[in-house]
Structures are given as C-alpha cells and as structure tokens.
Amino acid sequence: MIIAIDGPAASGKGTIARRLAAHYGLPHLDTGLLYRAVGAGALEKAVDFEDVDTLAALAGALDLSALDPESLRAGPIGEAASRVAAIPEVRAKLLMLQQEFAHQPGGAVLDGRDIGTVIAPDAPVKIFVTATPEARAARRHKELVGRGEDVTPESVLDDIRKRDQRDSSRSSAPLIAAADAEIIDNTALDVAASVAAALAIAERRRPR
C-alpha cells in the first residue's frame, strides 16, 4: 500500500505521514528532506543557485541513510530547499530515488508536494493536507522559536507566502492536489483530529 500525502509548507503533512506509517508499519520518507539536503549542500559549498549542473550533481549524490532531519530543518535551509526544488534537473535526479522508495515491497508512506501527481500517481491513498497561510505560519513560528531561532511572526508568514507562490507556480511538478486526492483542511484541527481524518481516508481507500 502506497500512501501519498501532499501539501504546502507547515501544513502538518509530515506529522500525519509519520503517524500513518507507524499505524500501518510502513517505511516513511519525508521527501522534503531530499530538497533540504540539496539546499544545505548548496549553502555549505556556496554554490550559486543558478548553477544548475552543480546543484543536479549534489542531488544525484544524495544518500538516504545519511540524512539528518534535525540539522536540515533550520530556517535558511527551508528557503534554499524551495529554490532548488524549482529546478527541473534537480527534480529529475531525485525522481527515481523517490519512486524506488514508494514502490518497495509492501509499500510506503511518502509526504511532499508532488507525491500523488508525479512520484506515485498510482497510489491508492492520496491525501492533500492544507491550512490557511496564517495558521501554517503560526505553527512554523512556534516550531522555530522552540529551536531557539530568532524570528518574528511577520517574517515567517512572509516566508510561507513566498514558498507557496514558488511551489505553486514552478514549471516542474508544481504543488497541486491530485485530481483523486482527498483534501484535509486542518486550519481549525489539532494534530489528533488531523491524524484521525487521514486515517479514515486511508481505511476507506486502502486495498483489501
């Protein structure tokens, strides 16, 4: 069983994906970490974000087992990830890696922005998680402050809106709900209610 969970930044899709993966005993991949890793590599090596060949080479050299989620969640890396994710050559390098993970024996849970439309369009369970920019910015601000980052609510909201615009308007695999995805708007939902809604969808749509 493949479960594809898509949505914009700070929508809660990662939390839902992890909970569903634990519930069904499936491996989970936060595909955003792949782009964060490429973005982090670009920042570390001072790579120009117009240098497509070098960025694609960084993507091609990624090792899933070496990803460190905590270190990849810093604020500047999120912005860099959004920029490299808009580059078709980077996305092409990461496509096969994600598809192999999705189609491993028994299935998997993947969350990102193009899982149901590009990575695993054949997934029986497709969920698109969203919330208002203001609600998502408030969540992200709380998360960043909790990690000791000095950010303002206004700057986080501005970043969320910029990332939404970039993710939705890019030419390669734009952020969009798959035609057959079920939508969860969790603006007014807590984590437990969001997970319960996703689990209900998965139970209804998973192969028997």
Protein backbone atom coordinates (compact mmCIF):
# COMPACT_ATOMS: atom_id res chain seq x y z
CA MET A 1 0.00 0.00 0.00
CA ILE A 2 1.38 3.39 -1.02
CA ILE A 3 0.11 6.41 0.89
CA ALA A 4 0.82 9.75 -0.79
CA ILE A 5 0.47 12.84 1.37
CA ASP A 6 0.98 16.26 -0.20
CA GLY A 7 0.56 19.81 0.96
CA PRO A 8 2.22 23.20 1.39
CA ALA A 9 4.83 24.14 3.97
CA ALA A 10 3.84 23.71 7.64
CA SER A 11 0.51 22.10 6.80
CA GLY A 12 1.19 19.19 9.14
CA LYS A 13 1.59 16.62 6.37
CA GLY A 14 4.82 15.27 7.86
CA THR A 15 3.26 14.62 11.25
CA ILE A 16 0.30 12.89 9.63
CA ALA A 17 2.60 10.81 7.42
CA ARG A 18 4.69 9.65 10.37
CA ARG A 19 1.59 8.67 12.35
CA LEU A 20 0.10 6.71 9.44
CA ALA A 21 3.43 4.99 8.77
CA ALA A 22 3.60 3.90 12.42
CA HIS A 23 -0.03 2.75 12.38
CA TYR A 24 0.42 0.54 9.31
CA GLY A 25 4.02 -0.48 9.98
CA LEU A 26 5.25 1.09 6.73
CA PRO A 27 8.52 2.89 5.99
CA HIS A 28 8.19 6.68 5.74
CA LEU A 29 10.02 9.22 3.61
CA ASP A 30 9.77 12.97 4.07
CA THR A 31 10.71 13.88 0.51
CA GLY A 32 11.20 17.49 1.51
CA LEU A 33 14.35 16.38 3.30
CA LEU A 34 15.88 15.48 -0.06
CA TYR A 35 15.48 19.03 -1.31
CA ARG A 36 16.60 20.40 2.05
CA ALA A 37 19.73 18.27 1.78
CA VAL A 38 20.48 19.65 -1.67
CA GLY A 39 19.78 23.18 -0.43
CA ALA A 40 22.00 22.65 2.61
CA GLY A 41 24.78 21.33 0.39
CA ALA A 42 24.47 24.36 -1.86
CA LEU A 43 24.69 26.73 1.11
CA GLU A 44 27.64 24.86 2.64
CA LYS A 45 29.60 24.85 -0.61
CA ALA A 46 28.48 28.38 -1.57
CA VAL A 47 27.02 27.10 -4.83
CA ASP A 48 25.26 29.69 -6.98
CA PHE A 49 21.57 28.80 -7.24
CA GLU A 50 21.83 29.48 -10.97
CA ASP A 51 24.48 26.74 -11.30
CA VAL A 52 22.08 24.01 -12.36
CA ASP A 53 24.72 21.41 -13.19
CA THR A 54 26.36 21.57 -9.76
CA LEU A 55 23.01 21.51 -7.96
CA ALA A 56 21.90 18.50 -10.02
CA ALA A 57 25.17 16.76 -9.15
CA LEU A 58 24.51 17.36 -5.44
CA ALA A 59 21.06 15.79 -5.88
CA GLY A 60 22.50 12.80 -7.70
CA ALA A 61 24.96 12.10 -4.89
CA LEU A 62 22.38 12.04 -2.06
CA ASP A 63 22.36 9.08 0.33
CA LEU A 64 19.01 8.50 2.09
CA SER A 65 20.70 6.81 5.04
CA ALA A 66 22.83 9.89 5.70
CA LEU A 67 20.01 12.43 6.00
CA ASP A 68 19.84 14.18 9.38
CA PRO A 69 16.28 15.57 9.79
CA GLU A 70 17.12 17.82 12.74
CA SER A 71 20.02 19.61 11.12
CA LEU A 72 18.04 20.05 7.89
CA ARG A 73 15.15 21.92 9.50
CA ALA A 74 16.89 25.25 10.11
CA GLY A 75 15.12 28.27 8.63
CA PRO A 76 17.63 29.25 5.87
CA ILE A 77 17.70 25.68 4.59
CA GLY A 78 13.93 25.76 4.01
CA GLU A 79 14.29 28.74 1.70
CA ALA A 80 17.19 27.08 -0.13
CA ALA A 81 15.18 23.87 -0.48
CA SER A 82 12.29 25.74 -2.08
CA ARG A 83 14.66 27.30 -4.59
CA VAL A 84 16.37 24.07 -5.66
CA ALA A 85 13.00 22.28 -5.80
CA ALA A 86 12.01 24.59 -8.63
CA ILE A 87 14.88 23.30 -10.81
CA PRO A 88 13.75 20.52 -13.20
CA GLU A 89 17.23 18.97 -13.37
CA VAL A 90 17.32 18.57 -9.57
CA ARG A 91 13.84 17.07 -9.52
CA ALA A 92 14.80 14.62 -12.27
CA LYS A 93 17.79 13.38 -10.25
CA LEU A 94 15.61 12.76 -7.20
CA LEU A 95 12.65 11.24 -9.05
CA MET A 96 13.95 7.68 -9.32
CA LEU A 97 15.13 7.66 -5.70
CA GLN A 98 11.64 8.57 -4.50
CA GLN A 99 9.86 6.18 -6.84
CA GLU A 100 12.04 3.27 -5.74
CA PHE A 101 11.21 4.05 -2.11
CA ALA A 102 7.49 4.28 -2.86
CA HIS A 103 7.33 1.00 -4.75
CA GLN A 104 9.32 -1.17 -2.37
CA PRO A 105 7.66 -4.47 -1.35
CA GLY A 106 4.76 -3.81 0.98
CA GLY A 107 4.52 -0.14 0.11
CA ALA A 108 5.43 3.05 1.94
CA VAL A 109 4.21 6.42 3.14
CA LEU A 110 5.65 9.49 1.44
CA ASP A 111 4.94 13.14 2.07
CA GLY A 112 5.89 16.09 -0.07
CA ARG A 113 4.44 18.31 -2.75
CA ASP A 114 4.18 16.06 -5.80
CA ILE A 115 3.78 12.54 -4.42
CA GLY A 116 0.25 11.94 -5.68
CA THR A 117 0.81 13.70 -9.00
CA VAL A 118 4.35 12.72 -10.04
CA ILE A 119 6.12 10.30 -7.69
CA ALA A 120 3.33 7.79 -7.13
CA PRO A 121 0.28 8.69 -9.24
CA ASP A 122 -0.83 5.06 -8.85
CA ALA A 123 -1.03 5.33 -5.04
CA PRO A 124 -4.42 4.07 -3.81
CA VAL A 125 -4.38 6.51 -0.89
CA LYS A 126 -3.85 10.18 -1.78
CA ILE A 127 -4.31 12.94 0.75
CA PHE A 128 -3.75 16.67 0.32
CA VAL A 129 -3.26 18.50 3.61
CA THR A 130 -3.66 22.26 3.77
CA ALA A 131 -4.46 25.19 6.06
CA THR A 132 -4.50 28.97 5.77
CA PRO A 133 -1.12 30.70 5.42
CA GLU A 134 -1.70 32.41 8.77
CA ALA A 135 -2.35 29.12 10.59
CA ARG A 136 0.67 27.48 8.99
CA ALA A 137 2.91 30.46 9.76
CA ALA A 138 1.84 30.39 13.42
CA ARG A 139 2.79 26.69 13.63
CA ARG A 140 6.14 27.23 11.93
CA HIS A 141 6.93 30.26 14.10
CA LYS A 142 6.28 28.24 17.26
CA GLU A 143 8.49 25.43 15.94
CA LEU A 144 11.37 27.76 15.04
CA VAL A 145 11.24 29.66 18.32
CA GLY A 146 11.22 26.33 20.14
CA ARG A 147 14.50 25.51 18.40
CA GLY A 148 16.00 28.79 19.57
CA GLU A 149 15.76 30.70 16.28
CA ASP A 150 15.18 34.45 16.43
CA VAL A 151 12.30 35.02 14.01
CA THR A 152 9.20 37.20 14.01
CA PRO A 153 5.66 36.04 13.16
CA GLU A 154 5.63 38.51 10.27
CA SER A 155 8.85 37.19 8.73
CA VAL A 156 7.65 33.59 8.97
CA LEU A 157 4.33 34.45 7.32
CA ASP A 158 6.18 36.27 4.54
CA ASP A 159 8.40 33.23 4.01
CA ILE A 160 5.37 30.90 3.92
CA ARG A 161 3.68 33.04 1.28
CA LYS A 162 6.83 33.24 -0.85
CA ARG A 163 7.28 29.46 -0.68
CA ASP A 164 3.62 28.88 -1.56
CA GLN A 165 3.99 31.11 -4.60
CA ARG A 166 7.23 29.45 -5.71
CA ASP A 167 5.96 25.91 -5.14
CA SER A 168 2.64 26.50 -6.91
CA SER A 169 4.00 28.38 -9.91
CA ARG A 170 7.10 26.36 -10.80
CA SER A 171 7.04 24.73 -14.22
CA SER A 172 8.24 21.34 -12.97
CA ALA A 173 5.85 19.38 -10.71
CA PRO A 174 4.02 22.35 -9.18
CA LEU A 175 2.27 21.99 -5.84
CA ILE A 176 -1.24 20.89 -6.70
CA ALA A 177 -3.69 18.36 -5.30
CA ALA A 178 -4.06 15.23 -7.42
CA ALA A 179 -7.46 15.02 -9.07
CA ASP A 180 -8.31 11.95 -6.99
CA ALA A 181 -6.79 13.17 -3.70
CA GLU A 182 -8.96 13.79 -0.66
CA ILE A 183 -8.49 17.18 0.99
CA ILE A 184 -7.94 17.80 4.69
CA ASP A 185 -8.10 21.46 5.68
CA ASN A 186 -6.76 21.39 9.22
CA THR A 187 -6.81 25.15 9.89
CA ALA A 188 -9.11 24.53 12.84
CA LEU A 189 -7.98 20.98 13.68
CA ASP A 190 -5.44 19.81 16.23
CA VAL A 191 -2.95 17.05 15.50
CA ALA A 192 -5.17 14.25 16.80
CA ALA A 193 -8.13 15.34 14.68
CA SER A 194 -5.95 15.74 11.57
CA VAL A 195 -4.48 12.27 12.00
CA ALA A 196 -7.92 10.77 12.62
CA ALA A 197 -9.22 12.34 9.40
CA ALA A 198 -6.27 10.98 7.42
CA LEU A 199 -6.62 7.53 8.94
CA ALA A 200 -10.30 7.46 7.99
CA ILE A 201 -9.36 8.24 4.39
CA ALA A 202 -6.64 5.58 4.37
CA GLU A 203 -9.00 2.94 5.75
CA ARG A 204 -11.62 3.80 3.16
CA ARG A 205 -9.24 3.72 0.21
CA ARG A 206 -6.58 1.15 1.03
CA PRO A 207 -6.55 -2.14 -0.90
CA ARG A 208 -8.25 -5.00 0.88
